């Protein structure tokens, strides 16, 4: 995945998150953010993890 693809995916995910925030209560949104963070870490591991 190119850097441009990663940026576009990030923008898309943030747009979805913004839309969901308005439709969810605060607890559900916090759980969603935690889940999304885990998915992003799996998709885009830290540079020190990939260079090892």
PDB file of N, CA and C in Angstrom:
ATOM      1  N   UNK A   1       0.853  -1.165   0.000  1.00  0.00           N
ATOM      2  CA  UNK A   1       0.000   0.000   0.000  1.00  0.00           C
ATOM      3  C   UNK A   1       0.903   1.234   0.000  1.00  0.00           C
ATOM      4  N   UNK A   2       0.649   2.130  -0.905  1.00  0.00           N
ATOM      5  CA  UNK A   2       1.472   3.326  -1.006  1.00  0.00           C
ATOM      6  C   UNK A   2       1.117   4.313   0.107  1.00  0.00           C
ATOM      7  N   UNK A   3       1.987   5.286   0.315  1.00  0.00           N
ATOM      8  CA  UNK A   3       1.730   6.313   1.329  1.00  0.00           C
ATOM      9  C   UNK A   3       0.453   7.081   0.997  1.00  0.00           C
ATOM     10  N   UNK A   4       0.227   7.330  -0.278  1.00  0.00           N
ATOM     11  CA  UNK A   4      -0.988   8.035  -0.694  1.00  0.00           C
ATOM     12  C   UNK A   4      -2.224   7.197  -0.365  1.00  0.00           C
ATOM     13  N   UNK A   5      -2.157   5.881  -0.605  1.00  0.00           N
ATOM     14  CA  UNK A   5      -3.260   4.993  -0.270  1.00  0.00           C
ATOM     15  C   UNK A   5      -3.531   5.015   1.233  1.00  0.00           C
ATOM     16  N   UNK A   6      -2.455   5.008   2.032  1.00  0.00           N
ATOM     17  CA  UNK A   6      -2.592   5.036   3.486  1.00  0.00           C
ATOM     18  C   UNK A   6      -3.266   6.329   3.941  1.00  0.00           C
ATOM     19  N   UNK A   7      -2.856   7.448   3.342  1.00  0.00           N
ATOM     20  CA  UNK A   7      -3.461   8.733   3.705  1.00  0.00           C
ATOM     21  C   UNK A   7      -4.941   8.754   3.350  1.00  0.00           C
ATOM     22  N   UNK A   8      -5.275   8.232   2.174  1.00  0.00           N
ATOM     23  CA  UNK A   8      -6.675   8.212   1.750  1.00  0.00           C
ATOM     24  C   UNK A   8      -7.502   7.319   2.663  1.00  0.00           C
ATOM     25  N   UNK A   9      -6.969   6.166   3.031  1.00  0.00           N
ATOM     26  CA  UNK A   9      -7.666   5.269   3.948  1.00  0.00           C
ATOM     27  C   UNK A   9      -7.875   5.953   5.294  1.00  0.00           C
ATOM     28  N   UNK A  10      -6.849   6.631   5.781  1.00  0.00           N
ATOM     29  CA  UNK A  10      -6.975   7.351   7.045  1.00  0.00           C
ATOM     30  C   UNK A  10      -8.060   8.412   6.991  1.00  0.00           C
ATOM     31  N   UNK A  11      -8.098   9.177   5.906  1.00  0.00           N
ATOM     32  CA  UNK A  11      -9.136  10.207   5.746  1.00  0.00           C
ATOM     33  C   UNK A  11     -10.525   9.582   5.725  1.00  0.00           C
ATOM     34  N   UNK A  12     -10.650   8.464   5.028  1.00  0.00           N
ATOM     35  CA  UNK A  12     -11.934   7.780   4.944  1.00  0.00           C
ATOM     36  C   UNK A  12     -12.380   7.289   6.315  1.00  0.00           C
ATOM     37  N   UNK A  13     -11.452   6.673   7.050  1.00  0.00           N
ATOM     38  CA  UNK A  13     -11.796   6.168   8.384  1.00  0.00           C
ATOM     39  C   UNK A  13     -12.173   7.297   9.333  1.00  0.00           C
ATOM     40  N   UNK A  14     -11.476   8.437   9.246  1.00  0.00           N
ATOM     41  CA  UNK A  14     -11.828   9.570  10.100  1.00  0.00           C
ATOM     42  C   UNK A  14     -13.197  10.120   9.727  1.00  0.00           C
ATOM     43  N   UNK A  15     -13.520  10.151   8.442  1.00  0.00           N
ATOM     44  CA  UNK A  15     -14.834  10.631   8.018  1.00  0.00           C
ATOM     45  C   UNK A  15     -15.934   9.726   8.554  1.00  0.00           C
ATOM     46  N   UNK A  16     -15.706   8.417   8.512  1.00  0.00           N
ATOM     47  CA  UNK A  16     -16.683   7.469   9.060  1.00  0.00           C
ATOM     48  C   UNK A  16     -16.817   7.684  10.562  1.00  0.00           C
ATOM     49  N   UNK A  17     -15.686   7.851  11.247  1.00  0.00           N
ATOM     50  CA  UNK A  17     -15.703   8.072  12.696  1.00  0.00           C
ATOM     51  C   UNK A  17     -16.499   9.330  13.042  1.00  0.00           C
ATOM     52  N   UNK A  18     -16.310  10.388  12.273  1.00  0.00           N
ATOM     53  CA  UNK A  18     -17.041  11.631  12.530  1.00  0.00           C
ATOM     54  C   UNK A  18     -18.550  11.426  12.382  1.00  0.00           C
ATOM     55  N   UNK A  19     -18.945  10.662  11.372  1.00  0.00           N
ATOM     56  CA  UNK A  19     -20.369  10.401  11.164  1.00  0.00           C
ATOM     57  C   UNK A  19     -20.929   9.530  12.288  1.00  0.00           C
ATOM     58  N   UNK A  20     -20.162   8.538  12.707  1.00  0.00           N
ATOM     59  CA  UNK A  20     -20.625   7.658  13.775  1.00  0.00           C
ATOM     60  C   UNK A  20     -20.718   8.383  15.109  1.00  0.00           C
ATOM     61  N   UNK A  21     -19.815   9.313  15.341  1.00  0.00           N
ATOM     62  CA  UNK A  21     -19.814  10.033  16.606  1.00  0.00           C
ATOM     63  C   UNK A  21     -21.158  10.697  16.858  1.00  0.00           C
ATOM     64  N   UNK A  22     -21.761  11.235  15.830  1.00  0.00           N
ATOM     65  CA  UNK A  22     -23.064  11.877  15.977  1.00  0.00           C
ATOM     66  C   UNK A  22     -24.194  10.893  16.221  1.00  0.00           C
ATOM     67  N   UNK A  23     -24.011   9.646  15.816  1.00  0.00           N
ATOM     68  CA  UNK A  23     -25.075   8.652  15.932  1.00  0.00           C
ATOM     69  C   UNK A  23     -24.936   7.753  17.164  1.00  0.00           C
ATOM     70  N   UNK A  24     -23.807   7.813  17.855  1.00  0.00           N
ATOM     71  CA  UNK A  24     -23.557   6.909  18.984  1.00  0.00           C
ATOM     72  C   UNK A  24     -23.563   7.671  20.304  1.00  0.00           C
ATOM     73  N   UNK A  25     -23.841   6.931  21.369  1.00  0.00           N
ATOM     74  CA  UNK A  25     -23.656   7.550  22.681  1.00  0.00           C
ATOM     75  C   UNK A  25     -22.162   7.526  23.012  1.00  0.00           C
ATOM     76  N   UNK A  26     -21.779   8.224  24.048  1.00  0.00           N
ATOM     77  CA  UNK A  26     -20.355   8.403  24.364  1.00  0.00           C
ATOM     78  C   UNK A  26     -19.645   7.084  24.646  1.00  0.00           C
ATOM     79  N   UNK A  27     -20.269   6.171  25.362  1.00  0.00           N
ATOM     80  CA  UNK A  27     -19.626   4.888  25.685  1.00  0.00           C
ATOM     81  C   UNK A  27     -19.385   4.056  24.428  1.00  0.00           C
ATOM     82  N   UNK A  28     -20.381   3.991  23.561  1.00  0.00           N
ATOM     83  CA  UNK A  28     -20.223   3.237  22.319  1.00  0.00           C
ATOM     84  C   UNK A  28     -19.125   3.841  21.454  1.00  0.00           C
ATOM     85  N   UNK A  29     -19.061   5.167  21.409  1.00  0.00           N
ATOM     86  CA  UNK A  29     -18.052   5.816  20.589  1.00  0.00           C
ATOM     87  C   UNK A  29     -16.656   5.547  21.140  1.00  0.00           C
ATOM     88  N   UNK A  30     -16.490   5.550  22.458  1.00  0.00           N
ATOM     89  CA  UNK A  30     -15.187   5.233  23.055  1.00  0.00           C
ATOM     90  C   UNK A  30     -14.757   3.821  22.682  1.00  0.00           C
ATOM     91  N   UNK A  31     -15.693   2.863  22.725  1.00  0.00           N
ATOM     92  CA  UNK A  31     -15.368   1.476  22.341  1.00  0.00           C
ATOM     93  C   UNK A  31     -14.981   1.421  20.871  1.00  0.00           C
ATOM     94  N   UNK A  32     -15.700   2.158  20.019  1.00  0.00           N
ATOM     95  CA  UNK A  32     -15.376   2.199  18.595  1.00  0.00           C
ATOM     96  C   UNK A  32     -13.967   2.749  18.379  1.00  0.00           C
ATOM     97  N   UNK A  33     -13.619   3.839  19.066  1.00  0.00           N
ATOM     98  CA  UNK A  33     -12.298   4.436  18.901  1.00  0.00           C
ATOM     99  C   UNK A  33     -11.203   3.462  19.313  1.00  0.00           C
ATOM    100  N   UNK A  34     -11.420   2.731  20.397  1.00  0.00           N
ATOM    101  CA  UNK A  34     -10.432   1.754  20.848  1.00  0.00           C
ATOM    102  C   UNK A  34     -10.258   0.656  19.806  1.00  0.00           C
ATOM    103  N   UNK A  35     -11.368   0.170  19.272  1.00  0.00           N
ATOM    104  CA  UNK A  35     -11.321  -0.880  18.248  1.00  0.00           C
ATOM    105  C   UNK A  35     -10.618  -0.366  16.992  1.00  0.00           C
ATOM    106  N   UNK A  36     -10.960   0.854  16.577  1.00  0.00           N
ATOM    107  CA  UNK A  36     -10.349   1.444  15.377  1.00  0.00           C
ATOM    108  C   UNK A  36      -8.843   1.604  15.570  1.00  0.00           C
ATOM    109  N   UNK A  37      -8.431   2.020  16.751  1.00  0.00           N
ATOM    110  CA  UNK A  37      -7.006   2.181  17.021  1.00  0.00           C
ATOM    111  C   UNK A  37      -6.273   0.850  16.865  1.00  0.00           C
ATOM    112  N   UNK A  38      -6.862  -0.229  17.372  1.00  0.00           N
ATOM    113  CA  UNK A  38      -6.257  -1.547  17.226  1.00  0.00           C
ATOM    114  C   UNK A  38      -6.150  -1.969  15.768  1.00  0.00           C
ATOM    115  N   UNK A  39      -7.181  -1.700  15.000  1.00  0.00           N
ATOM    116  CA  UNK A  39      -7.149  -2.035  13.571  1.00  0.00           C
ATOM    117  C   UNK A  39      -6.078  -1.241  12.841  1.00  0.00           C
ATOM    118  N   UNK A  40      -5.971   0.043  13.163  1.00  0.00           N
ATOM    119  CA  UNK A  40      -4.962   0.883  12.509  1.00  0.00           C
ATOM    120  C   UNK A  40      -3.553   0.405  12.862  1.00  0.00           C
ATOM    121  N   UNK A  41      -3.345  -0.028  14.101  1.00  0.00           N
ATOM    122  CA  UNK A  41      -2.034  -0.525  14.503  1.00  0.00           C
ATOM    123  C   UNK A  41      -1.694  -1.819  13.765  1.00  0.00           C
ATOM    124  N   UNK A  42      -2.696  -2.627  13.475  1.00  0.00           N
ATOM    125  CA  UNK A  42      -2.456  -3.852  12.708  1.00  0.00           C
ATOM    126  C   UNK A  42      -2.153  -3.527  11.246  1.00  0.00           C
ATOM    127  N   UNK A  43      -2.887  -2.563  10.684  1.00  0.00           N
ATOM    128  CA  UNK A  43      -2.678  -2.194   9.283  1.00  0.00           C
ATOM    129  C   UNK A  43      -1.354  -1.474   9.073  1.00  0.00           C
ATOM    130  N   UNK A  44      -0.991  -0.602  10.024  1.00  0.00           N
ATOM    131  CA  UNK A  44       0.181   0.238   9.875  1.00  0.00           C
ATOM    132  C   UNK A  44       1.070   0.093  11.110  1.00  0.00           C
ATOM    133  N   UNK A  45       1.823  -0.998  11.207  1.00  0.00           N
ATOM    134  CA  UNK A  45       2.686  -1.182  12.374  1.00  0.00           C
ATOM    135  C   UNK A  45       3.728  -0.072  12.443  1.00  0.00           C
ATOM    136  N   UNK A  46       4.197   0.195  13.643  1.00  0.00           N
ATOM    137  CA  UNK A  46       5.209   1.239  13.854  1.00  0.00           C
ATOM    138  C   UNK A  46       6.473   0.885  13.069  1.00  0.00           C
ATOM    139  N   UNK A  47       7.204   1.894  12.675  1.00  0.00           N
ATOM    140  CA  UNK A  47       8.397   1.672  11.861  1.00  0.00           C
ATOM    141  C   UNK A  47       9.403   0.775  12.569  1.00  0.00           C
ATOM    142  N   UNK A  48       9.544   0.907  13.884  1.00  0.00           N
ATOM    143  CA  UNK A  48      10.510   0.073  14.593  1.00  0.00           C
ATOM    144  C   UNK A  48      10.097  -1.386  14.603  1.00  0.00           C
ATOM    145  N   UNK A  49       8.807  -1.664  14.460  1.00  0.00           N
ATOM    146  CA  UNK A  49       8.331  -3.044  14.394  1.00  0.00           C
ATOM    147  C   UNK A  49       8.589  -3.666  13.028  1.00  0.00           C
ATOM    148  N   UNK A  50       8.540  -2.854  11.970  1.00  0.00           N
ATOM    149  CA  UNK A  50       8.705  -3.389  10.622  1.00  0.00           C
ATOM    150  C   UNK A  50      10.159  -3.522  10.227  1.00  0.00           C
ATOM    151  N   UNK A  51      11.052  -2.771  10.870  1.00  0.00           N
ATOM    152  CA  UNK A  51      12.463  -2.824  10.482  1.00  0.00           C
ATOM    153  C   UNK A  51      13.246  -3.882  11.235  1.00  0.00           C
ATOM    154  N   UNK A  52      12.615  -4.511  12.227  1.00  0.00           N
ATOM    155  CA  UNK A  52      13.305  -5.522  13.029  1.00  0.00           C
ATOM    156  C   UNK A  52      13.492  -6.822  12.269  1.00  0.00           C
TER     157      UNK A  52
END
